[in-house]
Amino acid sequence: QVQLVESGGGLVQAGGSLRLSCTSSRSIRDSSMGWYRQAPGKQRELVAVITSTDRTNYADSLKGRFTISRDNGKRTAYLQMISLKPEDTAVYYCNLQFWGGIRKYDYWGQGTEVTVSS
């Protein structure tokens, strides 16, 4: 079982910045790491993904404000968020995916809450 621990969430004023971290209990070198978020009353949505080859993909609405990165040596993925808006308020979840043979493994963190005040 893989454990993902997120940190870095909190309360921030609009226009502020936060950096979220997600540390894995296993190596992430062969894994795609993703950040998703779920606002109250809404479905979980993709924020950003970074593959094992450092290719990145972002939700269109977040490009330019959010940056995903990874440090394989620290088994950690990051989400740098700038120019935060009240609509960015959500629980942010880390996701790890890797292939073991023909099986795809998919793990989620417990989430870290981000609240942006106006």
C-alpha atoms as a PDB file:
ATOM      1  CA  GLN A   1       0.000   0.000   0.000  1.00  0.00           C
ATOM      2  CA  VAL A   2       1.327   3.417  -0.978  1.00  0.00           C
ATOM      3  CA  GLN A   3       0.830   6.350   1.362  1.00  0.00           C
ATOM      4  CA  LEU A   4       0.636   9.890   0.030  1.00  0.00           C
ATOM      5  CA  VAL A   5       0.892  12.746   2.484  1.00  0.00           C
ATOM      6  CA  GLU A   6      -0.081  16.232   1.380  1.00  0.00           C
ATOM      7  CA  SER A   7       0.861  19.414   3.146  1.00  0.00           C
ATOM      8  CA  GLY A   8       0.974  23.141   2.569  1.00  0.00           C
ATOM      9  CA  GLY A   9      -2.686  24.003   2.504  1.00  0.00           C
ATOM     10  CA  GLY A  10      -4.188  26.754   4.569  1.00  0.00           C
ATOM     11  CA  LEU A  11      -5.906  30.094   4.559  1.00  0.00           C
ATOM     12  CA  VAL A  12      -4.594  32.777   2.233  1.00  0.00           C
ATOM     13  CA  GLN A  13      -5.872  36.096   0.972  1.00  0.00           C
ATOM     14  CA  ALA A  14      -6.788  36.578  -2.652  1.00  0.00           C
ATOM     15  CA  GLY A  15      -3.687  37.337  -4.664  1.00  0.00           C
ATOM     16  CA  GLY A  16      -1.509  35.289  -2.366  1.00  0.00           C
ATOM     17  CA  SER A  17       0.502  32.144  -2.994  1.00  0.00           C
ATOM     18  CA  LEU A  18       0.798  28.662  -1.582  1.00  0.00           C
ATOM     19  CA  ARG A  19       2.950  25.664  -2.337  1.00  0.00           C
ATOM     20  CA  LEU A  20       1.487  22.232  -1.772  1.00  0.00           C
ATOM     21  CA  SER A  21       3.642  19.172  -1.270  1.00  0.00           C
ATOM     22  CA  CYS A  22       2.853  15.500  -1.696  1.00  0.00           C
ATOM     23  CA  THR A  23       5.304  12.953  -0.355  1.00  0.00           C
ATOM     24  CA  SER A  24       5.044   9.311  -1.279  1.00  0.00           C
ATOM     25  CA  SER A  25       6.010   6.279   0.767  1.00  0.00           C
ATOM     26  CA  ARG A  26       7.418   4.647  -2.389  1.00  0.00           C
ATOM     27  CA  SER A  27       9.644   5.855  -5.151  1.00  0.00           C
ATOM     28  CA  ILE A  28       7.884   8.069  -7.669  1.00  0.00           C
ATOM     29  CA  ARG A  29      10.458   7.747 -10.456  1.00  0.00           C
ATOM     30  CA  ASP A  30       8.191   5.527 -12.522  1.00  0.00           C
ATOM     31  CA  SER A  31       4.991   7.353 -11.631  1.00  0.00           C
ATOM     32  CA  SER A  32       2.787  10.102 -12.887  1.00  0.00           C
ATOM     33  CA  MET A  33       1.907  12.539 -10.139  1.00  0.00           C
ATOM     34  CA  GLY A  34      -1.196  14.639 -10.235  1.00  0.00           C
ATOM     35  CA  TRP A  35      -3.068  17.250  -8.294  1.00  0.00           C
ATOM     36  CA  TYR A  36      -6.837  17.375  -8.284  1.00  0.00           C
ATOM     37  CA  ARG A  37      -9.241  19.525  -6.355  1.00  0.00           C
ATOM     38  CA  GLN A  38     -12.793  19.370  -5.140  1.00  0.00           C
ATOM     39  CA  ALA A  39     -14.712  22.449  -4.166  1.00  0.00           C
ATOM     40  CA  PRO A  40     -17.800  22.223  -1.935  1.00  0.00           C
ATOM     41  CA  GLY A  41     -20.723  20.867  -3.882  1.00  0.00           C
ATOM     42  CA  LYS A  42     -18.645  20.192  -6.986  1.00  0.00           C
ATOM     43  CA  GLN A  43     -16.986  17.220  -8.583  1.00  0.00           C
ATOM     44  CA  ARG A  44     -13.302  16.526  -8.261  1.00  0.00           C
ATOM     45  CA  GLU A  45     -11.389  18.075 -11.129  1.00  0.00           C
ATOM     46  CA  LEU A  46      -7.925  17.857 -12.581  1.00  0.00           C
ATOM     47  CA  VAL A  47      -5.518  20.614 -11.651  1.00  0.00           C
ATOM     48  CA  ALA A  48      -2.233  19.377 -13.102  1.00  0.00           C
ATOM     49  CA  VAL A  49      -0.307  16.227 -13.893  1.00  0.00           C
ATOM     50  CA  ILE A  50       3.397  15.566 -14.339  1.00  0.00           C
ATOM     51  CA  THR A  51       4.557  12.321 -15.906  1.00  0.00           C
ATOM     52  CA  SER A  52       7.638  10.275 -15.098  1.00  0.00           C
ATOM     53  CA  THR A  53       9.340  12.009 -18.050  1.00  0.00           C
ATOM     54  CA  ASP A  54       8.394  15.467 -16.712  1.00  0.00           C
ATOM     55  CA  ARG A  55       5.697  16.158 -19.236  1.00  0.00           C
ATOM     56  CA  THR A  56       3.053  18.383 -17.709  1.00  0.00           C
ATOM     57  CA  ASN A  57      -0.606  18.972 -18.323  1.00  0.00           C
ATOM     58  CA  TYR A  58      -2.791  21.622 -16.732  1.00  0.00           C
ATOM     59  CA  ALA A  59      -6.424  22.509 -16.542  1.00  0.00           C
ATOM     60  CA  ASP A  60      -6.799  25.262 -19.123  1.00  0.00           C
ATOM     61  CA  SER A  61      -8.241  27.710 -16.622  1.00  0.00           C
ATOM     62  CA  LEU A  62      -5.222  27.366 -14.335  1.00  0.00           C
ATOM     63  CA  LYS A  63      -2.382  27.698 -16.814  1.00  0.00           C
ATOM     64  CA  GLY A  64      -0.024  30.471 -15.873  1.00  0.00           C
ATOM     65  CA  ARG A  65      -0.980  30.514 -12.193  1.00  0.00           C
ATOM     66  CA  PHE A  66      -0.264  26.948 -11.110  1.00  0.00           C
ATOM     67  CA  THR A  67       2.963  25.017 -11.634  1.00  0.00           C
ATOM     68  CA  ILE A  68       3.486  21.338 -10.940  1.00  0.00           C
ATOM     69  CA  SER A  69       6.939  19.910 -10.316  1.00  0.00           C
ATOM     70  CA  ARG A  70       8.571  16.880  -8.820  1.00  0.00           C
ATOM     71  CA  ASP A  71      11.683  15.844  -6.910  1.00  0.00           C
ATOM     72  CA  ASN A  72      12.217  12.136  -7.370  1.00  0.00           C
ATOM     73  CA  GLY A  73      14.982  12.061  -4.782  1.00  0.00           C
ATOM     74  CA  LYS A  74      12.563  13.352  -2.153  1.00  0.00           C
ATOM     75  CA  ARG A  75       9.650  11.275  -3.487  1.00  0.00           C
ATOM     76  CA  THR A  76       7.684  14.495  -3.558  1.00  0.00           C
ATOM     77  CA  ALA A  77       5.503  16.374  -5.990  1.00  0.00           C
ATOM     78  CA  TYR A  78       4.720  20.042  -5.623  1.00  0.00           C
ATOM     79  CA  LEU A  79       2.027  22.431  -6.727  1.00  0.00           C
ATOM     80  CA  GLN A  80       3.007  26.081  -6.706  1.00  0.00           C
ATOM     81  CA  MET A  81      -0.044  28.320  -6.782  1.00  0.00           C
ATOM     82  CA  ILE A  82       0.134  32.066  -7.318  1.00  0.00           C
ATOM     83  CA  SER A  83      -2.414  34.850  -7.729  1.00  0.00           C
ATOM     84  CA  LEU A  84      -4.921  32.778  -5.835  1.00  0.00           C
ATOM     85  CA  LYS A  85      -8.614  33.541  -6.195  1.00  0.00           C
ATOM     86  CA  PRO A  86     -11.558  32.736  -3.945  1.00  0.00           C
ATOM     87  CA  GLU A  87     -12.728  30.235  -6.558  1.00  0.00           C
ATOM     88  CA  ASP A  88      -9.528  28.243  -5.961  1.00  0.00           C
ATOM     89  CA  THR A  89     -10.928  27.310  -2.560  1.00  0.00           C
ATOM     90  CA  ALA A  90     -11.101  23.519  -2.438  1.00  0.00           C
ATOM     91  CA  VAL A  91      -9.624  20.395  -0.991  1.00  0.00           C
ATOM     92  CA  TYR A  92      -6.562  19.521  -3.049  1.00  0.00           C
ATOM     93  CA  TYR A  93      -5.726  15.874  -3.533  1.00  0.00           C
ATOM     94  CA  CYS A  94      -2.509  14.264  -4.661  1.00  0.00           C
ATOM     95  CA  ASN A  95      -2.619  11.300  -7.022  1.00  0.00           C
ATOM     96  CA  LEU A  96       0.057   8.778  -7.930  1.00  0.00           C
ATOM     97  CA  GLN A  97      -0.211   6.356 -10.849  1.00  0.00           C
ATOM     98  CA  PHE A  98       2.188   3.729 -12.109  1.00  0.00           C
ATOM     99  CA  TRP A  99       2.127   0.533 -14.105  1.00  0.00           C
ATOM    100  CA  GLY A 100       3.193  -2.773 -12.638  1.00  0.00           C
ATOM    101  CA  GLY A 101       3.182  -5.181 -15.551  1.00  0.00           C
ATOM    102  CA  ILE A 102      -0.278  -4.993 -17.073  1.00  0.00           C
ATOM    103  CA  ARG A 103      -1.843  -3.569 -13.952  1.00  0.00           C
ATOM    104  CA  LYS A 104      -2.277   0.143 -13.306  1.00  0.00           C
ATOM    105  CA  TYR A 105      -1.897   1.285  -9.727  1.00  0.00           C
ATOM    106  CA  ASP A 106      -3.690   4.408  -8.553  1.00  0.00           C
ATOM    107  CA  TYR A 107      -3.353   6.023  -5.134  1.00  0.00           C
ATOM    108  CA  TRP A 108      -4.770   9.143  -3.498  1.00  0.00           C
ATOM    109  CA  GLY A 109      -3.760  11.283  -0.589  1.00  0.00           C
ATOM    110  CA  GLN A 110      -6.129  12.399   2.119  1.00  0.00           C
ATOM    111  CA  GLY A 111      -6.317  15.943   0.794  1.00  0.00           C
ATOM    112  CA  THR A 112      -5.207  19.320   2.028  1.00  0.00           C
ATOM    113  CA  GLU A 113      -7.598  22.205   2.323  1.00  0.00           C
ATOM    114  CA  VAL A 114      -6.979  25.518   0.624  1.00  0.00           C
ATOM    115  CA  THR A 115      -9.151  28.492   1.495  1.00  0.00           C
ATOM    116  CA  VAL A 116      -8.758  31.777  -0.355  1.00  0.00           C
ATOM    117  CA  SER A 117     -10.450  34.749   1.249  1.00  0.00           C
ATOM    118  CA  SER A 118     -11.593  37.773  -0.714  1.00  0.00           C
END
